[in-house]
């Protein structure tokens, strides 16, 4: 008889019982998107390195134009030779991005000045550092640019480039093997009427994270010996093994027996969640094996709320993407005593609020519900549900 373990307990158990040893590699900037830095990166320089102009105009000493206006233009000596240093009473033509000469502490915009022979008339006062990008205002030397574990996004790559860095130490991609099982399942174009969608769903979702190298091991027939052989093959190459199908108590559900056949252990047999109750956690020679339902939605819930949290926590990943939001529930939803329910919801604006509309088709195999779902509403095991109009937390997909 299965003892269903709470999902959070299953995550914590997995964190306590498994190690993920991932080597590092050096990558050039163009290869860094969605990879994970293996160590903290600090700025080696100041950016910008010196005070520089933020506009086209004239660099000058702000004290010399404190009373300047269109009715009281102040003439300054125009230094067309662009010296490296000026005195108060002088001005130098300057373009956006040019360093300020010594002695200058502000820039007057072109439209607020008028050249007149060897002079320039300043028709607007400026304060110190007006229209100036100050040295180090973007990065000071020693600033943390990228923390260890941060999921690298385009702005991180741009910042590293601005600092003149060419390559970064990152963790190599985590290797994940996915084994789909079921004699009734075939690839599109093959014989039969049940085409594999589950392994493609979870493989795509994990690959989309960017820091995983996901390999599908095809569809394995319901044969304990054959499944065991593929599990052993995956163990030789992968950091994590995931199976789909073959997790329930039925006579054709053979993944549990196949894992045990090759010396593996079942550590958690069933999780108290809906959908996905047959989800289990196993171990083969110190490597984690996650046994998921063959139904696509149930398998997705297992990946999103068990496998991915385990991986992110184990690798110390800092993901700055929005993972949840709050929305107003449009209709009442019921929980199930002793089981954490994951309700698919459609998100849409309603007036000045965001509304979460529960999707009524809730079967574990209803793929169309994922097409319309913006997220999941989690109903705790000890809750009866939520009333219409309540503000609830929605876990984004």
Protein backbone atom coordinates (compact mmCIF):
# COMPACT_ATOMS: atom_id res chain seq x y z
CA UNK A 1 0.00 0.00 0.00
CA UNK A 2 1.32 3.43 -0.95
CA UNK A 3 2.06 6.00 1.76
CA UNK A 4 1.58 9.32 0.05
CA UNK A 5 4.24 11.86 1.05
CA UNK A 6 3.56 15.64 0.94
CA UNK A 7 5.20 17.29 -2.07
CA UNK A 8 7.35 19.68 -0.01
CA UNK A 9 8.53 16.76 2.10
CA UNK A 10 9.46 14.91 -1.08
CA UNK A 11 11.51 17.89 -2.30
CA UNK A 12 13.33 18.23 1.03
CA UNK A 13 13.94 14.49 1.20
CA UNK A 14 15.49 14.55 -2.27
CA UNK A 15 17.68 17.50 -1.33
CA UNK A 16 18.94 15.66 1.74
CA UNK A 17 19.61 12.35 0.02
CA UNK A 18 21.17 13.25 -3.32
CA UNK A 19 24.23 15.10 -4.52
CA UNK A 20 24.67 16.69 -7.92
CA UNK A 21 28.35 16.95 -8.81
CA UNK A 22 28.61 19.17 -11.86
CA UNK A 23 31.95 20.19 -13.33
CA UNK A 24 32.69 23.67 -14.67
CA UNK A 25 33.70 24.96 -18.08
CA UNK A 26 34.70 28.28 -19.62
CA UNK A 27 32.33 29.83 -22.14
CA UNK A 28 32.51 32.93 -24.30
CA UNK A 29 29.87 35.60 -23.78
CA UNK A 30 27.78 34.57 -26.79
CA UNK A 31 27.26 31.13 -25.21
CA UNK A 32 26.20 32.28 -21.74
CA UNK A 33 22.44 32.78 -22.02
CA UNK A 34 20.56 30.76 -19.37
CA UNK A 35 23.74 29.20 -18.06
CA UNK A 36 24.82 29.22 -14.41
CA UNK A 37 28.04 30.97 -13.27
CA UNK A 38 30.20 28.79 -11.06
CA UNK A 39 31.62 31.68 -9.08
CA UNK A 40 30.94 35.30 -8.24
CA UNK A 41 32.09 37.86 -10.78
CA UNK A 42 33.16 41.34 -9.70
CA UNK A 43 33.84 44.34 -11.86
CA UNK A 44 37.57 44.65 -12.62
CA UNK A 45 37.20 48.31 -13.62
CA UNK A 46 35.03 51.40 -13.20
CA UNK A 47 32.32 51.96 -15.79
CA UNK A 48 32.46 54.58 -17.11
CA UNK A 49 36.15 54.95 -16.33
CA UNK A 50 35.96 58.77 -16.25
CA UNK A 51 33.30 61.47 -16.18
CA UNK A 52 31.84 61.72 -19.67
CA UNK A 53 29.23 63.74 -21.47
CA UNK A 54 25.68 62.41 -21.63
CA UNK A 55 24.73 64.87 -24.43
CA UNK A 56 26.15 66.84 -27.34
CA UNK A 57 27.06 70.32 -26.17
CA UNK A 58 29.77 72.27 -24.37
CA UNK A 59 31.77 71.14 -21.36
CA UNK A 60 32.41 73.88 -18.84
CA UNK A 61 32.78 74.86 -15.21
CA UNK A 62 29.28 75.12 -13.73
CA UNK A 63 30.28 77.98 -11.41
CA UNK A 64 30.87 80.23 -14.42
CA UNK A 65 27.26 80.04 -15.66
CA UNK A 66 25.16 80.12 -12.48
CA UNK A 67 23.21 83.18 -13.66
CA UNK A 68 22.94 82.24 -17.34
CA UNK A 69 19.56 82.48 -19.05
CA UNK A 70 18.11 83.36 -22.44
CA UNK A 71 17.77 86.94 -21.20
CA UNK A 72 21.23 86.94 -19.67
CA UNK A 73 23.55 84.87 -21.89
CA UNK A 74 27.02 84.43 -20.45
CA UNK A 75 29.92 84.45 -22.93
CA UNK A 76 32.72 81.90 -22.49
CA UNK A 77 35.97 81.46 -24.39
CA UNK A 78 35.46 78.68 -26.93
CA UNK A 79 38.34 76.17 -26.92
CA UNK A 80 37.96 74.55 -30.34
CA UNK A 81 41.36 72.87 -29.84
CA UNK A 82 39.74 70.62 -27.19
CA UNK A 83 42.47 70.79 -24.56
CA UNK A 84 42.75 68.17 -21.81
CA UNK A 85 42.15 70.85 -19.18
CA UNK A 86 40.10 74.07 -19.05
CA UNK A 87 39.63 76.92 -16.63
CA UNK A 88 36.43 78.59 -15.48
CA UNK A 89 35.39 81.00 -18.21
CA UNK A 90 36.20 78.49 -20.95
CA UNK A 91 34.07 75.93 -22.78
CA UNK A 92 34.92 72.96 -25.01
CA UNK A 93 32.70 71.40 -27.72
CA UNK A 94 31.87 67.84 -26.67
CA UNK A 95 29.95 64.89 -28.06
CA UNK A 96 27.91 62.26 -26.25
CA UNK A 97 30.24 59.75 -24.60
CA UNK A 98 33.36 61.93 -24.75
CA UNK A 99 35.36 62.26 -21.52
CA UNK A 100 35.15 65.63 -19.80
CA UNK A 101 38.38 67.65 -19.76
CA UNK A 102 39.88 68.39 -16.35
CA UNK A 103 38.30 71.49 -14.86
CA UNK A 104 34.89 70.82 -16.44
CA UNK A 105 32.11 69.52 -14.19
CA UNK A 106 28.98 69.99 -16.34
CA UNK A 107 27.74 70.10 -19.93
CA UNK A 108 25.37 72.60 -21.51
CA UNK A 109 23.27 71.14 -24.33
CA UNK A 110 23.76 72.47 -27.87
CA UNK A 111 20.28 74.00 -27.96
CA UNK A 112 21.08 76.07 -24.87
CA UNK A 113 24.18 77.67 -26.37
CA UNK A 114 25.11 79.76 -29.40
CA UNK A 115 28.52 80.09 -31.00
CA UNK A 116 29.71 83.62 -31.72
CA UNK A 117 33.17 83.79 -33.23
CA UNK A 118 35.69 82.55 -30.69
CA UNK A 119 33.08 82.66 -27.97
CA UNK A 120 30.03 80.64 -27.03
CA UNK A 121 26.99 82.24 -25.40
CA UNK A 122 25.52 80.08 -22.64
CA UNK A 123 21.78 80.70 -22.26
CA UNK A 124 20.94 78.25 -19.46
CA UNK A 125 22.53 77.64 -16.09
CA UNK A 126 23.68 74.15 -15.14
CA UNK A 127 24.58 72.62 -11.81
CA UNK A 128 27.58 70.45 -11.08
CA UNK A 129 27.38 67.13 -12.98
CA UNK A 130 24.37 68.17 -15.06
CA UNK A 131 24.36 66.14 -18.31
CA UNK A 132 27.33 64.13 -17.10
CA UNK A 133 27.70 60.37 -16.76
CA UNK A 134 29.85 60.16 -13.68
CA UNK A 135 32.83 57.86 -13.37
CA UNK A 136 31.77 54.58 -11.80
CA UNK A 137 28.04 55.37 -11.85
CA UNK A 138 27.36 52.11 -13.70
CA UNK A 139 29.95 49.90 -12.02
CA UNK A 140 32.58 50.66 -9.44
CA UNK A 141 35.66 48.49 -9.38
CA UNK A 142 34.85 45.52 -7.16
CA UNK A 143 31.06 45.69 -7.58
CA UNK A 144 29.32 42.31 -7.76
CA UNK A 145 28.11 41.93 -11.34
CA UNK A 146 27.05 38.30 -11.28
CA UNK A 147 26.47 36.16 -8.20
CA UNK A 148 27.28 32.47 -8.23
CA UNK A 149 24.19 30.55 -9.35
CA UNK A 150 22.44 33.42 -11.15
CA UNK A 151 20.55 32.36 -14.26
CA UNK A 152 22.32 34.43 -16.92
CA UNK A 153 20.05 36.73 -18.91
CA UNK A 154 20.82 39.14 -21.80
CA UNK A 155 21.49 42.10 -19.46
CA UNK A 156 24.08 40.04 -17.60
CA UNK A 157 25.87 39.29 -20.88
CA UNK A 158 25.76 42.96 -21.84
CA UNK A 159 27.21 44.00 -18.47
CA UNK A 160 30.04 41.48 -18.73
CA UNK A 161 30.82 42.79 -22.20
CA UNK A 162 30.82 46.39 -20.95
CA UNK A 163 33.44 45.36 -18.41
CA UNK A 164 35.65 43.91 -21.14
CA UNK A 165 35.30 40.31 -19.99
CA UNK A 166 35.59 37.66 -22.69
CA UNK A 167 34.66 34.40 -20.94
CA UNK A 168 33.10 33.12 -17.74
CA UNK A 169 33.34 29.94 -15.67
CA UNK A 170 29.94 28.22 -15.66
CA UNK A 171 28.62 24.86 -14.54
CA UNK A 172 28.41 22.41 -17.38
CA UNK A 173 24.89 21.54 -18.41
CA UNK A 174 23.12 19.12 -16.12
CA UNK A 175 22.49 15.87 -17.98
CA UNK A 176 18.92 14.59 -17.73
CA UNK A 177 17.69 11.39 -19.32
CA UNK A 178 13.99 10.79 -19.96
CA UNK A 179 12.61 7.30 -20.51
CA UNK A 180 9.02 7.00 -21.75
CA UNK A 181 7.34 3.65 -21.17
CA UNK A 182 4.17 1.95 -22.36
CA UNK A 183 3.43 -0.67 -25.00
CA UNK A 184 0.34 1.31 -25.93
CA UNK A 185 2.39 4.46 -26.65
CA UNK A 186 4.05 5.24 -29.98
CA UNK A 187 5.77 8.12 -31.72
CA UNK A 188 3.64 10.27 -34.05
CA UNK A 189 3.38 8.49 -37.38
CA UNK A 190 3.69 5.08 -35.78
CA UNK A 191 1.05 2.48 -35.18
CA UNK A 192 -1.47 2.84 -32.39
CA UNK A 193 -3.69 5.62 -31.17
CA UNK A 194 -1.76 6.87 -28.10
CA UNK A 195 1.06 9.11 -29.28
CA UNK A 196 3.78 10.17 -26.88
CA UNK A 197 3.28 13.70 -25.63
CA UNK A 198 4.40 13.33 -22.02
CA UNK A 199 8.13 12.84 -22.53
CA UNK A 200 8.21 15.61 -25.13
CA UNK A 201 6.43 17.96 -22.73
CA UNK A 202 8.81 17.48 -19.83
CA UNK A 203 11.89 17.26 -22.06
CA UNK A 204 10.97 20.57 -23.67
CA UNK A 205 10.19 22.22 -20.35
CA UNK A 206 13.50 21.19 -18.80
CA UNK A 207 15.52 22.04 -21.92
CA UNK A 208 13.85 25.45 -21.97
CA UNK A 209 15.52 26.26 -18.65
CA UNK A 210 18.77 26.51 -20.59
CA UNK A 211 21.17 24.85 -18.18
CA UNK A 212 20.17 21.25 -18.87
CA UNK A 213 21.14 18.85 -21.62
CA UNK A 214 18.04 16.68 -21.98
CA UNK A 215 18.07 13.36 -23.81
CA UNK A 216 15.00 11.28 -24.63
CA UNK A 217 15.60 7.53 -24.66
CA UNK A 218 12.59 6.81 -26.84
CA UNK A 219 9.54 4.78 -25.89
CA UNK A 220 10.18 1.50 -24.10
CA UNK A 221 7.68 -1.34 -24.21
CA UNK A 222 6.11 -2.72 -21.04
CA UNK A 223 8.83 -5.26 -20.40
CA UNK A 224 10.60 -5.17 -17.04
CA UNK A 225 13.89 -6.45 -18.43
CA UNK A 226 13.95 -4.00 -21.35
CA UNK A 227 13.08 -1.04 -19.12
CA UNK A 228 15.81 -2.08 -16.68
CA UNK A 229 18.35 -2.20 -19.50
CA UNK A 230 17.48 1.33 -20.65
CA UNK A 231 17.64 2.64 -17.07
CA UNK A 232 21.15 1.19 -16.73
CA UNK A 233 22.17 2.78 -20.04
CA UNK A 234 20.85 6.16 -18.90
CA UNK A 235 22.64 5.84 -15.56
CA UNK A 236 26.00 5.63 -17.34
CA UNK A 237 25.53 9.01 -19.04
CA UNK A 238 23.06 11.13 -17.07
CA UNK A 239 23.06 13.03 -13.78
CA UNK A 240 19.30 12.56 -13.32
CA UNK A 241 16.97 9.91 -14.71
CA UNK A 242 13.26 10.52 -15.26
CA UNK A 243 10.78 7.84 -16.28
CA UNK A 244 7.21 8.43 -17.46
CA UNK A 245 4.52 5.81 -17.04
CA UNK A 246 4.87 2.58 -15.12
CA UNK A 247 4.49 4.15 -11.68
CA UNK A 248 1.06 2.97 -10.54
CA UNK A 249 0.16 -0.27 -8.77
CA UNK A 250 -1.19 -1.99 -11.91
CA UNK A 251 0.33 -5.15 -13.34
CA UNK A 252 1.74 -3.31 -16.40
CA UNK A 253 3.33 -0.54 -14.33
CA UNK A 254 6.85 -1.86 -14.37
CA UNK A 255 9.25 1.07 -13.79
CA UNK A 256 9.44 0.43 -10.05
CA UNK A 257 10.30 -3.25 -10.57
CA UNK A 258 12.74 -2.42 -13.37
CA UNK A 259 14.61 0.03 -11.16
CA UNK A 260 14.83 -2.53 -8.38
CA UNK A 261 15.96 -5.17 -10.87
CA UNK A 262 19.18 -3.22 -11.56
CA UNK A 263 19.89 -2.57 -7.88
CA UNK A 264 17.95 0.64 -7.47
CA UNK A 265 15.76 1.59 -4.55
CA UNK A 266 12.38 3.24 -4.23
CA UNK A 267 12.69 5.90 -1.54
CA UNK A 268 9.29 7.57 -1.89
CA UNK A 269 6.34 5.62 -3.28
CA UNK A 270 3.60 8.08 -4.12
CA UNK A 271 3.14 11.79 -3.39
CA UNK A 272 0.06 13.37 -1.82
CA UNK A 273 -0.79 15.62 -4.75
CA UNK A 274 -3.41 15.80 -7.45
CA UNK A 275 -2.71 15.27 -10.28
CA UNK A 276 0.33 13.01 -10.02
CA UNK A 277 -0.24 10.82 -6.96
CA UNK A 278 1.80 7.87 -8.35
CA UNK A 279 4.90 10.13 -8.64
CA UNK A 280 7.80 8.43 -6.89
CA UNK A 281 11.45 9.03 -6.06
CA UNK A 282 14.12 6.39 -6.46
CA UNK A 283 17.87 6.03 -6.38
CA UNK A 284 20.31 4.09 -8.51
CA UNK A 285 23.95 4.02 -7.41
CA UNK A 286 23.65 7.45 -5.75
CA UNK A 287 21.88 9.10 -8.70
CA UNK A 288 18.29 10.37 -8.38
CA UNK A 289 15.53 8.70 -10.35
CA UNK A 290 12.17 10.48 -10.59
CA UNK A 291 9.31 8.22 -11.64
CA UNK A 292 6.49 10.30 -13.10
CA UNK A 293 3.00 9.55 -14.33
CA UNK A 294 2.47 8.71 -17.97
CA UNK A 295 -0.26 11.34 -18.15
CA UNK A 296 1.13 14.66 -19.43
CA UNK A 297 -0.43 17.07 -16.92
CA UNK A 298 0.40 14.84 -13.95
CA UNK A 299 3.97 14.47 -15.21
CA UNK A 300 4.27 18.23 -15.71
CA UNK A 301 3.14 18.90 -12.14
CA UNK A 302 5.80 16.43 -10.97
CA UNK A 303 8.50 18.21 -12.96
CA UNK A 304 7.40 21.75 -12.08
CA UNK A 305 6.92 21.19 -8.36
CA UNK A 306 9.31 18.34 -7.52
CA UNK A 307 12.10 17.90 -10.05
CA UNK A 308 12.76 21.55 -10.91
CA UNK A 309 12.77 22.83 -7.28
CA UNK A 310 15.17 20.01 -6.40
CA UNK A 311 17.53 20.95 -9.24
CA UNK A 312 17.38 24.69 -8.59
CA UNK A 313 18.04 24.33 -4.87
CA UNK A 314 20.78 21.75 -5.34
CA UNK A 315 22.66 23.90 -7.85
CA UNK A 316 22.01 27.10 -5.91
CA UNK A 317 20.27 28.69 -8.87
CA UNK A 318 19.10 32.28 -8.52
CA UNK A 319 16.31 32.77 -11.04
CA UNK A 320 15.17 36.39 -11.27
CA UNK A 321 12.20 35.57 -13.47
CA UNK A 322 8.75 36.05 -11.95
CA UNK A 323 7.61 32.70 -10.54
CA UNK A 324 4.27 33.60 -8.96
CA UNK A 325 1.65 36.34 -8.88
CA UNK A 326 -1.52 37.10 -6.96
CA UNK A 327 -4.91 37.15 -8.66
CA UNK A 328 -8.61 37.23 -7.79
CA UNK A 329 -10.32 33.87 -8.06
CA UNK A 330 -13.41 33.96 -10.27
CA UNK A 331 -15.15 30.86 -8.90
CA UNK A 332 -15.02 28.57 -5.91
CA UNK A 333 -12.57 25.65 -5.96
CA UNK A 334 -12.48 22.64 -3.66
CA UNK A 335 -9.51 20.82 -2.23
CA UNK A 336 -9.16 17.20 -1.20
CA UNK A 337 -8.42 16.26 2.40
CA UNK A 338 -4.88 14.96 2.79
CA UNK A 339 -3.90 15.79 -0.79
CA UNK A 340 -2.39 19.00 -2.18
CA UNK A 341 -4.34 19.98 -5.27
CA UNK A 342 -2.86 21.82 -8.24
CA UNK A 343 -5.66 23.62 -10.09
CA UNK A 344 -4.94 24.92 -13.57
CA UNK A 345 -6.11 28.52 -14.01
CA UNK A 346 -6.47 30.90 -16.91
CA UNK A 347 -5.19 34.41 -16.18
CA UNK A 348 -6.80 37.50 -17.65
CA UNK A 349 -7.36 41.17 -16.75
CA UNK A 350 -10.72 42.06 -15.21
CA UNK A 351 -11.04 45.78 -14.68
CA UNK A 352 -8.07 46.97 -12.66
CA UNK A 353 -7.33 43.49 -11.33
CA UNK A 354 -5.89 40.22 -12.55
CA UNK A 355 -8.31 37.33 -12.41
CA UNK A 356 -7.67 33.60 -12.16
CA UNK A 357 -10.36 31.49 -13.81
CA UNK A 358 -10.19 27.80 -12.81
CA UNK A 359 -10.14 25.45 -15.79
CA UNK A 360 -12.89 22.89 -15.41
CA UNK A 361 -11.26 20.14 -17.49
CA UNK A 362 -8.93 18.75 -14.85
CA UNK A 363 -8.04 15.27 -16.03
CA UNK A 364 -4.39 14.25 -15.72
CA UNK A 365 -4.21 13.74 -19.47
CA UNK A 366 -6.03 16.87 -20.70
CA UNK A 367 -3.22 18.62 -22.60
CA UNK A 368 -5.51 21.39 -23.83
CA UNK A 369 -5.81 22.58 -20.24
CA UNK A 370 -2.10 23.42 -20.28
CA UNK A 371 -2.51 25.39 -23.51
CA UNK A 372 -4.92 27.70 -21.71
CA UNK A 373 -3.33 27.70 -18.26
CA UNK A 374 -1.24 30.64 -17.13
CA UNK A 375 -0.42 28.95 -13.85
CA UNK A 376 -1.46 26.67 -11.02
CA UNK A 377 -3.37 27.40 -7.84
CA UNK A 378 -2.07 25.22 -5.01
CA UNK A 379 -4.67 24.13 -2.48
CA UNK A 380 -2.90 22.88 0.68
CA UNK A 381 -3.68 19.45 2.10
CA UNK A 382 -5.40 20.94 5.14
CA UNK A 383 -7.55 23.42 3.19
CA UNK A 384 -11.09 22.85 1.94
CA UNK A 385 -10.56 25.20 -0.97
CA UNK A 386 -10.98 28.88 -1.84
CA UNK A 387 -14.03 31.05 -2.37
CA UNK A 388 -14.75 33.17 -5.43
CA UNK A 389 -13.35 36.66 -4.96
CA UNK A 390 -10.42 35.59 -2.79
CA UNK A 391 -6.96 36.86 -3.69
CA UNK A 392 -4.83 33.77 -4.22
CA UNK A 393 -1.24 33.01 -5.12
CA UNK A 394 -0.75 31.57 -8.60
CA UNK A 395 2.39 29.59 -9.43
CA UNK A 396 3.39 30.51 -12.97
CA UNK A 397 4.35 27.82 -15.45
